[in-house]
Amino acid sequence: MNEHPNNVVTQLFAWLAAIASAAGITTQDLIFIAFGAVGVIISVLSFALGRIDARARRLNEQRRTELYAAYLKRRIGRPAVAEDDADRYVSLPGEERKV
């Protein structure tokens, strides 16, 4: 007598065996094909997500380079200053001024 007629694992393997026999292959081959497909899906997703990360990194570096170039253009176009702006408004400790 079957004590556990509704066992999920038994039903799963029964369905796998039925599908495999209908396809004309063994259950072992069917499971191998299924795990192979999972591996392919993981590989494709890994590749696609890696390309997305690389593109985002490239765009971020391009943006940073443009900002730096704009900063240098502004900085080079400025007239030379003998005293730094911060030194003009911030005094040294003891109220001394930098000479």
PDB file of N, CA and C in Angstrom:
ATOM      1  N   MET A   1       0.824  -1.188   0.000  1.00  0.00           N
ATOM      2  CA  MET A   1       0.000   0.000   0.000  1.00  0.00           C
ATOM      3  C   MET A   1       0.869   1.253   0.000  1.00  0.00           C
ATOM      4  N   ASN A   2       0.358   2.244  -0.643  1.00  0.00           N
ATOM      5  CA  ASN A   2       1.064   3.507  -0.713  1.00  0.00           C
ATOM      6  C   ASN A   2       0.609   4.377   0.445  1.00  0.00           C
ATOM      7  N   GLU A   3       1.541   4.697   1.347  1.00  0.00           N
ATOM      8  CA  GLU A   3       1.183   5.469   2.532  1.00  0.00           C
ATOM      9  C   GLU A   3       1.108   6.968   2.255  1.00  0.00           C
ATOM     10  N   HIS A   4       1.868   7.449   1.254  1.00  0.00           N
ATOM     11  CA  HIS A   4       1.902   8.883   0.942  1.00  0.00           C
ATOM     12  C   HIS A   4       1.546   9.091  -0.540  1.00  0.00           C
ATOM     13  N   PRO A   5       0.287   9.007  -0.864  1.00  0.00           N
ATOM     14  CA  PRO A   5      -0.083   9.107  -2.274  1.00  0.00           C
ATOM     15  C   PRO A   5       0.092  10.513  -2.854  1.00  0.00           C
ATOM     16  N   ASN A   6       0.140  11.532  -2.008  1.00  0.00           N
ATOM     17  CA  ASN A   6       0.214  12.911  -2.492  1.00  0.00           C
ATOM     18  C   ASN A   6       1.580  13.533  -2.219  1.00  0.00           C
ATOM     19  N   ASN A   7       2.630  12.718  -2.187  1.00  0.00           N
ATOM     20  CA  ASN A   7       3.967  13.228  -1.949  1.00  0.00           C
ATOM     21  C   ASN A   7       4.391  14.084  -3.149  1.00  0.00           C
ATOM     22  N   VAL A   8       4.828  15.306  -2.900  1.00  0.00           N
ATOM     23  CA  VAL A   8       5.172  16.259  -3.959  1.00  0.00           C
ATOM     24  C   VAL A   8       6.380  15.788  -4.755  1.00  0.00           C
ATOM     25  N   VAL A   9       7.387  15.266  -4.090  1.00  0.00           N
ATOM     26  CA  VAL A   9       8.606  14.819  -4.781  1.00  0.00           C
ATOM     27  C   VAL A   9       8.281  13.656  -5.712  1.00  0.00           C
ATOM     28  N   THR A  10       7.466  12.739  -5.258  1.00  0.00           N
ATOM     29  CA  THR A  10       7.078  11.605  -6.089  1.00  0.00           C
ATOM     30  C   THR A  10       6.311  12.084  -7.317  1.00  0.00           C
ATOM     31  N   GLN A  11       5.395  13.009  -7.123  1.00  0.00           N
ATOM     32  CA  GLN A  11       4.627  13.549  -8.235  1.00  0.00           C
ATOM     33  C   GLN A  11       5.528  14.290  -9.225  1.00  0.00           C
ATOM     34  N   LEU A  12       6.504  15.035  -8.702  1.00  0.00           N
ATOM     35  CA  LEU A  12       7.432  15.761  -9.558  1.00  0.00           C
ATOM     36  C   LEU A  12       8.213  14.806 -10.455  1.00  0.00           C
ATOM     37  N   PHE A  13       8.776  13.764  -9.863  1.00  0.00           N
ATOM     38  CA  PHE A  13       9.549  12.818 -10.669  1.00  0.00           C
ATOM     39  C   PHE A  13       8.655  12.002 -11.598  1.00  0.00           C
ATOM     40  N   ALA A  14       7.420  11.769 -11.210  1.00  0.00           N
ATOM     41  CA  ALA A  14       6.495  11.075 -12.110  1.00  0.00           C
ATOM     42  C   ALA A  14       6.211  11.925 -13.336  1.00  0.00           C
ATOM     43  N   TRP A  15       5.983  13.200 -13.144  1.00  0.00           N
ATOM     44  CA  TRP A  15       5.768  14.097 -14.275  1.00  0.00           C
ATOM     45  C   TRP A  15       7.023  14.212 -15.142  1.00  0.00           C
ATOM     46  N   LEU A  16       8.196  14.313 -14.489  1.00  0.00           N
ATOM     47  CA  LEU A  16       9.442  14.370 -15.253  1.00  0.00           C
ATOM     48  C   LEU A  16       9.636  13.110 -16.097  1.00  0.00           C
ATOM     49  N   ALA A  17       9.358  11.970 -15.505  1.00  0.00           N
ATOM     50  CA  ALA A  17       9.491  10.711 -16.240  1.00  0.00           C
ATOM     51  C   ALA A  17       8.495  10.638 -17.388  1.00  0.00           C
ATOM     52  N   ALA A  18       7.274  11.122 -17.168  1.00  0.00           N
ATOM     53  CA  ALA A  18       6.260  11.110 -18.228  1.00  0.00           C
ATOM     54  C   ALA A  18       6.663  12.032 -19.381  1.00  0.00           C
ATOM     55  N   ILE A  19       7.179  13.215 -19.039  1.00  0.00           N
ATOM     56  CA  ILE A  19       7.616  14.152 -20.081  1.00  0.00           C
ATOM     57  C   ILE A  19       8.813  13.594 -20.832  1.00  0.00           C
ATOM     58  N   ALA A  20       9.761  13.009 -20.104  1.00  0.00           N
ATOM     59  CA  ALA A  20      10.950  12.448 -20.741  1.00  0.00           C
ATOM     60  C   ALA A  20      10.592  11.284 -21.661  1.00  0.00           C
ATOM     61  N   SER A  21       9.705  10.432 -21.211  1.00  0.00           N
ATOM     62  CA  SER A  21       9.336   9.294 -22.057  1.00  0.00           C
ATOM     63  C   SER A  21       8.555   9.750 -23.285  1.00  0.00           C
ATOM     64  N   ALA A  22       7.746  10.810 -23.150  1.00  0.00           N
ATOM     65  CA  ALA A  22       7.025  11.340 -24.304  1.00  0.00           C
ATOM     66  C   ALA A  22       7.998  11.967 -25.305  1.00  0.00           C
ATOM     67  N   ALA A  23       9.120  12.531 -24.805  1.00  0.00           N
ATOM     68  CA  ALA A  23      10.125  13.124 -25.679  1.00  0.00           C
ATOM     69  C   ALA A  23      11.082  12.076 -26.220  1.00  0.00           C
ATOM     70  N   GLY A  24      11.046  10.887 -25.680  1.00  0.00           N
ATOM     71  CA  GLY A  24      11.911   9.807 -26.155  1.00  0.00           C
ATOM     72  C   GLY A  24      13.308   9.850 -25.566  1.00  0.00           C
ATOM     73  N   ILE A  25      13.464  10.471 -24.394  1.00  0.00           N
ATOM     74  CA  ILE A  25      14.769  10.522 -23.729  1.00  0.00           C
ATOM     75  C   ILE A  25      14.604  10.021 -22.297  1.00  0.00           C
ATOM     76  N   THR A  26      15.743   9.846 -21.619  1.00  0.00           N
ATOM     77  CA  THR A  26      15.673   9.386 -20.233  1.00  0.00           C
ATOM     78  C   THR A  26      15.428  10.575 -19.309  1.00  0.00           C
ATOM     79  N   THR A  27      15.011  10.293 -18.096  1.00  0.00           N
ATOM     80  CA  THR A  27      14.778  11.336 -17.103  1.00  0.00           C
ATOM     81  C   THR A  27      16.075  12.068 -16.789  1.00  0.00           C
ATOM     82  N   GLN A  28      17.166  11.318 -16.730  1.00  0.00           N
ATOM     83  CA  GLN A  28      18.469  11.910 -16.454  1.00  0.00           C
ATOM     84  C   GLN A  28      18.832  12.934 -17.544  1.00  0.00           C
ATOM     85  N   ASP A  29      18.572  12.594 -18.796  1.00  0.00           N
ATOM     86  CA  ASP A  29      18.852  13.521 -19.893  1.00  0.00           C
ATOM     87  C   ASP A  29      17.967  14.761 -19.805  1.00  0.00           C
ATOM     88  N   LEU A  30      16.720  14.581 -19.435  1.00  0.00           N
ATOM     89  CA  LEU A  30      15.805  15.717 -19.305  1.00  0.00           C
ATOM     90  C   LEU A  30      16.292  16.677 -18.214  1.00  0.00           C
ATOM     91  N   ILE A  31      16.716  16.142 -17.079  1.00  0.00           N
ATOM     92  CA  ILE A  31      17.218  16.984 -15.982  1.00  0.00           C
ATOM     93  C   ILE A  31      18.506  17.674 -16.408  1.00  0.00           C
ATOM     94  N   PHE A  32      19.382  16.958 -17.129  1.00  0.00           N
ATOM     95  CA  PHE A  32      20.617  17.552 -17.630  1.00  0.00           C
ATOM     96  C   PHE A  32      20.315  18.720 -18.571  1.00  0.00           C
ATOM     97  N   ILE A  33      19.339  18.547 -19.446  1.00  0.00           N
ATOM     98  CA  ILE A  33      18.943  19.612 -20.372  1.00  0.00           C
ATOM     99  C   ILE A  33      18.380  20.809 -19.603  1.00  0.00           C
ATOM    100  N   ALA A  34      17.565  20.546 -18.588  1.00  0.00           N
ATOM    101  CA  ALA A  34      16.968  21.636 -17.805  1.00  0.00           C
ATOM    102  C   ALA A  34      18.046  22.454 -17.094  1.00  0.00           C
ATOM    103  N   PHE A  35      19.006  21.781 -16.443  1.00  0.00           N
ATOM    104  CA  PHE A  35      20.065  22.503 -15.741  1.00  0.00           C
ATOM    105  C   PHE A  35      21.002  23.198 -16.729  1.00  0.00           C
ATOM    106  N   GLY A  36      21.184  22.614 -17.909  1.00  0.00           N
ATOM    107  CA  GLY A  36      21.965  23.284 -18.950  1.00  0.00           C
ATOM    108  C   GLY A  36      21.300  24.568 -19.389  1.00  0.00           C
ATOM    109  N   ALA A  37      19.982  24.546 -19.523  1.00  0.00           N
ATOM    110  CA  ALA A  37      19.242  25.749 -19.905  1.00  0.00           C
ATOM    111  C   ALA A  37      19.345  26.818 -18.820  1.00  0.00           C
ATOM    112  N   VAL A  38      19.285  26.408 -17.567  1.00  0.00           N
ATOM    113  CA  VAL A  38      19.444  27.360 -16.458  1.00  0.00           C
ATOM    114  C   VAL A  38      20.832  27.996 -16.523  1.00  0.00           C
ATOM    115  N   GLY A  39      21.849  27.196 -16.797  1.00  0.00           N
ATOM    116  CA  GLY A  39      23.210  27.726 -16.916  1.00  0.00           C
ATOM    117  C   GLY A  39      23.340  28.726 -18.048  1.00  0.00           C
ATOM    118  N   VAL A  40      22.705  28.440 -19.180  1.00  0.00           N
ATOM    119  CA  VAL A  40      22.735  29.370 -20.316  1.00  0.00           C
ATOM    120  C   VAL A  40      22.044  30.675 -19.956  1.00  0.00           C
ATOM    121  N   ILE A  41      20.908  30.589 -19.286  1.00  0.00           N
ATOM    122  CA  ILE A  41      20.178  31.800 -18.888  1.00  0.00           C
ATOM    123  C   ILE A  41      21.023  32.646 -17.947  1.00  0.00           C
ATOM    124  N   ILE A  42      21.680  32.008 -16.982  1.00  0.00           N
ATOM    125  CA  ILE A  42      22.534  32.744 -16.042  1.00  0.00           C
ATOM    126  C   ILE A  42      23.695  33.404 -16.782  1.00  0.00           C
ATOM    127  N   SER A  43      24.288  32.707 -17.741  1.00  0.00           N
ATOM    128  CA  SER A  43      25.401  33.273 -18.504  1.00  0.00           C
ATOM    129  C   SER A  43      24.956  34.475 -19.332  1.00  0.00           C
ATOM    130  N   VAL A  44      23.827  34.382 -19.985  1.00  0.00           N
ATOM    131  CA  VAL A  44      23.336  35.492 -20.808  1.00  0.00           C
ATOM    132  C   VAL A  44      23.004  36.694 -19.933  1.00  0.00           C
ATOM    133  N   LEU A  45      22.348  36.464 -18.798  1.00  0.00           N
ATOM    134  CA  LEU A  45      22.042  37.566 -17.891  1.00  0.00           C
ATOM    135  C   LEU A  45      23.307  38.209 -17.349  1.00  0.00           C
ATOM    136  N   SER A  46      24.289  37.397 -16.997  1.00  0.00           N
ATOM    137  CA  SER A  46      25.556  37.925 -16.501  1.00  0.00           C
ATOM    138  C   SER A  46      26.228  38.800 -17.556  1.00  0.00           C
ATOM    139  N   PHE A  47      26.240  38.350 -18.802  1.00  0.00           N
ATOM    140  CA  PHE A  47      26.831  39.129 -19.880  1.00  0.00           C
ATOM    141  C   PHE A  47      26.094  40.443 -20.073  1.00  0.00           C
ATOM    142  N   ALA A  48      24.767  40.379 -20.132  1.00  0.00           N
ATOM    143  CA  ALA A  48      23.965  41.585 -20.376  1.00  0.00           C
ATOM    144  C   ALA A  48      24.127  42.592 -19.241  1.00  0.00           C
ATOM    145  N   LEU A  49      24.064  42.135 -18.006  1.00  0.00           N
ATOM    146  CA  LEU A  49      24.210  43.045 -16.867  1.00  0.00           C
ATOM    147  C   LEU A  49      25.621  43.614 -16.791  1.00  0.00           C
ATOM    148  N   GLY A  50      26.619  42.833 -17.171  1.00  0.00           N
ATOM    149  CA  GLY A  50      27.992  43.332 -17.221  1.00  0.00           C
ATOM    150  C   GLY A  50      28.146  44.436 -18.255  1.00  0.00           C
ATOM    151  N   ARG A  51      27.503  44.286 -19.413  1.00  0.00           N
ATOM    152  CA  ARG A  51      27.554  45.321 -20.442  1.00  0.00           C
ATOM    153  C   ARG A  51      26.839  46.587 -19.970  1.00  0.00           C
ATOM    154  N   ILE A  52      25.725  46.424 -19.256  1.00  0.00           N
ATOM    155  CA  ILE A  52      25.005  47.585 -18.730  1.00  0.00           C
ATOM    156  C   ILE A  52      25.879  48.328 -17.725  1.00  0.00           C
ATOM    157  N   ASP A  53      26.558  47.592 -16.830  1.00  0.00           N
ATOM    158  CA  ASP A  53      27.460  48.225 -15.863  1.00  0.00           C
ATOM    159  C   ASP A  53      28.615  48.931 -16.563  1.00  0.00           C
ATOM    160  N   ALA A  54      29.191  48.303 -17.586  1.00  0.00           N
ATOM    161  CA  ALA A  54      30.304  48.913 -18.309  1.00  0.00           C
ATOM    162  C   ALA A  54      29.854  50.195 -19.004  1.00  0.00           C
ATOM    163  N   ARG A  55      28.670  50.190 -19.566  1.00  0.00           N
ATOM    164  CA  ARG A  55      28.153  51.387 -20.244  1.00  0.00           C
ATOM    165  C   ARG A  55      27.919  52.504 -19.238  1.00  0.00           C
ATOM    166  N   ALA A  56      27.343  52.181 -18.088  1.00  0.00           N
ATOM    167  CA  ALA A  56      27.103  53.192 -17.059  1.00  0.00           C
ATOM    168  C   ALA A  56      28.428  53.764 -16.556  1.00  0.00           C
ATOM    169  N   ARG A  57      29.421  52.905 -16.358  1.00  0.00           N
ATOM    170  CA  ARG A  57      30.732  53.361 -15.900  1.00  0.00           C
ATOM    171  C   ARG A  57      31.378  54.280 -16.946  1.00  0.00           C
ATOM    172  N   ARG A  58      31.269  53.918 -18.231  1.00  0.00           N
ATOM    173  CA  ARG A  58      31.844  54.722 -19.300  1.00  0.00           C
ATOM    174  C   ARG A  58      31.167  56.087 -19.375  1.00  0.00           C
ATOM    175  N   LEU A  59      29.841  56.122 -19.270  1.00  0.00           N
ATOM    176  CA  LEU A  59      29.117  57.394 -19.307  1.00  0.00           C
ATOM    177  C   LEU A  59      29.475  58.269 -18.109  1.00  0.00           C
ATOM    178  N   ASN A  60      29.655  57.651 -16.950  1.00  0.00           N
ATOM    179  CA  ASN A  60      30.026  58.400 -15.754  1.00  0.00           C
ATOM    180  C   ASN A  60      31.422  58.998 -15.909  1.00  0.00           C
ATOM    181  N   GLU A  61      32.361  58.224 -16.454  1.00  0.00           N
ATOM    182  CA  GLU A  61      33.712  58.737 -16.669  1.00  0.00           C
ATOM    183  C   GLU A  61      33.716  59.838 -17.727  1.00  0.00           C
ATOM    184  N   GLN A  62      32.894  59.702 -18.751  1.00  0.00           N
ATOM    185  CA  GLN A  62      32.802  60.728 -19.784  1.00  0.00           C
ATOM    186  C   GLN A  62      32.252  62.026 -19.195  1.00  0.00           C
ATOM    187  N   ARG A  63      31.239  61.914 -18.362  1.00  0.00           N
ATOM    188  CA  ARG A  63      30.660  63.089 -17.708  1.00  0.00           C
ATOM    189  C   ARG A  63      31.686  63.758 -16.800  1.00  0.00           C
ATOM    190  N   ARG A  64      32.433  62.958 -16.038  1.00  0.00           N
ATOM    191  CA  ARG A  64      33.448  63.486 -15.144  1.00  0.00           C
ATOM    192  C   ARG A  64      34.551  64.203 -15.937  1.00  0.00           C
ATOM    193  N   THR A  65      34.939  63.627 -17.067  1.00  0.00           N
ATOM    194  CA  THR A  65      35.963  64.249 -17.907  1.00  0.00           C
ATOM    195  C   THR A  65      35.475  65.580 -18.459  1.00  0.00           C
ATOM    196  N   GLU A  66      34.221  65.636 -18.890  1.00  0.00           N
ATOM    197  CA  GLU A  66      33.662  66.893 -19.401  1.00  0.00           C
ATOM    198  C   GLU A  66      33.620  67.960 -18.312  1.00  0.00           C
ATOM    199  N   LEU A  67      33.247  67.564 -17.085  1.00  0.00           N
ATOM    200  CA  LEU A  67      33.223  68.524 -15.984  1.00  0.00           C
ATOM    201  C   LEU A  67      34.623  69.040 -15.677  1.00  0.00           C
ATOM    202  N   TYR A  68      35.592  68.146 -15.682  1.00  0.00           N
ATOM    203  CA  TYR A  68      36.973  68.533 -15.398  1.00  0.00           C
ATOM    204  C   TYR A  68      37.513  69.446 -16.497  1.00  0.00           C
ATOM    205  N   ALA A  69      37.192  69.153 -17.755  1.00  0.00           N
ATOM    206  CA  ALA A  69      37.633  70.003 -18.869  1.00  0.00           C
ATOM    207  C   ALA A  69      37.009  71.390 -18.760  1.00  0.00           C
ATOM    208  N   ALA A  70      35.744  71.461 -18.399  1.00  0.00           N
ATOM    209  CA  ALA A  70      35.081  72.758 -18.232  1.00  0.00           C
ATOM    210  C   ALA A  70      35.716  73.533 -17.079  1.00  0.00           C
ATOM    211  N   TYR A  71      36.041  72.847 -16.001  1.00  0.00           N
ATOM    212  CA  TYR A  71      36.699  73.498 -14.861  1.00  0.00           C
ATOM    213  C   TYR A  71      38.061  74.047 -15.273  1.00  0.00           C
ATOM    214  N   LEU A  72      38.854  73.246 -15.976  1.00  0.00           N
ATOM    215  CA  LEU A  72      40.173  73.711 -16.401  1.00  0.00           C
ATOM    216  C   LEU A  72      40.064  74.891 -17.366  1.00  0.00           C
ATOM    217  N   LYS A  73      39.065  74.874 -18.239  1.00  0.00           N
ATOM    218  CA  LYS A  73      38.866  75.973 -19.176  1.00  0.00           C
ATOM    219  C   LYS A  73      38.564  77.260 -18.422  1.00  0.00           C
ATOM    220  N   ARG A  74      37.699  77.177 -17.403  1.00  0.00           N
ATOM    221  CA  ARG A  74      37.393  78.357 -16.581  1.00  0.00           C
ATOM    222  C   ARG A  74      38.628  78.809 -15.803  1.00  0.00           C
ATOM    223  N   ARG A  75      39.349  77.855 -15.263  1.00  0.00           N
ATOM    224  CA  ARG A  75      40.516  78.166 -14.423  1.00  0.00           C
ATOM    225  C   ARG A  75      41.627  78.807 -15.246  1.00  0.00           C
ATOM    226  N   ILE A  76      41.854  78.312 -16.472  1.00  0.00           N
ATOM    227  CA  ILE A  76      42.907  78.864 -17.315  1.00  0.00           C
ATOM    228  C   ILE A  76      42.512  80.259 -17.810  1.00  0.00           C
ATOM    229  N   GLY A  77      41.248  80.477 -18.061  1.00  0.00           N
ATOM    230  CA  GLY A  77      40.775  81.766 -18.549  1.00  0.00           C
ATOM    231  C   GLY A  77      40.759  82.860 -17.498  1.00  0.00           C
ATOM    232  N   ARG A  78      40.900  82.494 -16.228  1.00  0.00           N
ATOM    233  CA  ARG A  78      40.885  83.474 -15.148  1.00  0.00           C
ATOM    234  C   ARG A  78      42.206  84.221 -15.076  1.00  0.00           C
ATOM    235  N   PRO A  79      42.186  85.504 -14.738  1.00  0.00           N
ATOM    236  CA  PRO A  79      43.460  86.215 -14.565  1.00  0.00           C
ATOM    237  C   PRO A  79      44.193  85.685 -13.332  1.00  0.00           C
ATOM    238  N   ALA A  80      45.498  85.797 -13.366  1.00  0.00           N
ATOM    239  CA  ALA A  80      46.310  85.312 -12.244  1.00  0.00           C
ATOM    240  C   ALA A  80      46.009  86.122 -10.998  1.00  0.00           C
ATOM    241  N   VAL A  81      45.920  85.466  -9.868  1.00  0.00           N
ATOM    242  CA  VAL A  81      45.617  86.117  -8.598  1.00  0.00           C
ATOM    243  C   VAL A  81      46.828  85.946  -7.697  1.00  0.00           C
ATOM    244  N   ALA A  82      47.288  87.031  -7.117  1.00  0.00           N
ATOM    245  CA  ALA A  82      48.461  86.979  -6.246  1.00  0.00           C
ATOM    246  C   ALA A  82      48.117  86.309  -4.920  1.00  0.00           C
ATOM    247  N   GLU A  83      46.905  86.479  -4.482  1.00  0.00           N
ATOM    248  CA  GLU A  83      46.504  85.944  -3.194  1.00  0.00           C
ATOM    249  C   GLU A  83      45.273  85.079  -3.402  1.00  0.00           C
ATOM    250  N   ASP A  84      45.239  83.947  -2.745  1.00  0.00           N
ATOM    251  CA  ASP A  84      44.096  83.058  -2.872  1.00  0.00           C
ATOM    252  C   ASP A  84      42.872  83.705  -2.231  1.00  0.00           C
ATOM    253  N   ASP A  85      41.713  83.466  -2.794  1.00  0.00           N
ATOM    254  CA  ASP A  85      40.486  84.050  -2.263  1.00  0.00           C
ATOM    255  C   ASP A  85      40.265  83.676  -0.807  1.00  0.00           C
ATOM    256  N   ALA A  86      40.590  82.471  -0.443  1.00  0.00           N
ATOM    257  CA  ALA A  86      40.384  82.036   0.937  1.00  0.00           C
ATOM    258  C   ALA A  86      41.296  82.798   1.885  1.00  0.00           C
ATOM    259  N   ASP A  87      42.538  83.086   1.456  1.00  0.00           N
ATOM    260  CA  ASP A  87      43.469  83.821   2.318  1.00  0.00           C
ATOM    261  C   ASP A  87      43.012  85.262   2.534  1.00  0.00           C
ATOM    262  N   ARG A  88      42.287  85.795   1.593  1.00  0.00           N
ATOM    263  CA  ARG A  88      41.835  87.167   1.698  1.00  0.00           C
ATOM    264  C   ARG A  88      40.783  87.320   2.804  1.00  0.00           C
ATOM    265  N   TYR A  89      39.967  86.305   3.004  1.00  0.00           N
ATOM    266  CA  TYR A  89      38.846  86.424   3.947  1.00  0.00           C
ATOM    267  C   TYR A  89      39.040  85.652   5.246  1.00  0.00           C
ATOM    268  N   VAL A  90      40.006  84.755   5.288  1.00  0.00           N
ATOM    269  CA  VAL A  90      40.209  83.939   6.484  1.00  0.00           C
ATOM    270  C   VAL A  90      41.553  84.316   7.083  1.00  0.00           C
ATOM    271  N   SER A  91      41.538  84.718   8.346  1.00  0.00           N
ATOM    272  CA  SER A  91      42.804  85.099   8.997  1.00  0.00           C
ATOM    273  C   SER A  91      43.393  83.890   9.695  1.00  0.00           C
ATOM    274  N   LEU A  92      44.678  83.944   9.922  1.00  0.00           N
ATOM    275  CA  LEU A  92      45.383  82.868  10.605  1.00  0.00           C
ATOM    276  C   LEU A  92      45.086  82.933  12.094  1.00  0.00           C
ATOM    277  N   PRO A  93      45.398  81.893  12.862  1.00  0.00           N
ATOM    278  CA  PRO A  93      45.188  81.945  14.316  1.00  0.00           C
ATOM    279  C   PRO A  93      45.990  83.100  14.925  1.00  0.00           C
ATOM    280  N   GLY A  94      45.426  83.773  15.878  1.00  0.00           N
ATOM    281  CA  GLY A  94      46.085  84.890  16.514  1.00  0.00           C
ATOM    282  C   GLY A  94      45.910  86.182  15.728  1.00  0.00           C
ATOM    283  N   GLU A  95      44.944  86.183  14.805  1.00  0.00           N
ATOM    284  CA  GLU A  95      44.636  87.338  13.990  1.00  0.00           C
ATOM    285  C   GLU A  95      45.827  87.806  13.152  1.00  0.00           C
ATOM    286  N   GLU A  96      46.764  86.911  12.863  1.00  0.00           N
ATOM    287  CA  GLU A  96      47.888  87.253  11.997  1.00  0.00           C
ATOM    288  C   GLU A  96      47.451  87.138  10.559  1.00  0.00           C
ATOM    289  N   ARG A  97      48.056  87.942   9.730  1.00  0.00           N
ATOM    290  CA  ARG A  97      47.780  87.852   8.294  1.00  0.00           C
ATOM    291  C   ARG A  97      49.005  87.291   7.600  1.00  0.00           C
ATOM    292  N   LYS A  98      48.752  86.530   6.599  1.00  0.00           N
ATOM    293  CA  LYS A  98      49.846  85.955   5.838  1.00  0.00           C
ATOM    294  C   LYS A  98      50.484  87.039   4.998  1.00  0.00           C
ATOM    295  N   VAL A  99      51.789  87.118   5.019  1.00  0.00           N
ATOM    296  CA  VAL A  99      52.479  88.155   4.270  1.00  0.00           C
ATOM    297  C   VAL A  99      52.915  87.653   2.927  1.00  0.00           C
TER     298      VAL A  99
END
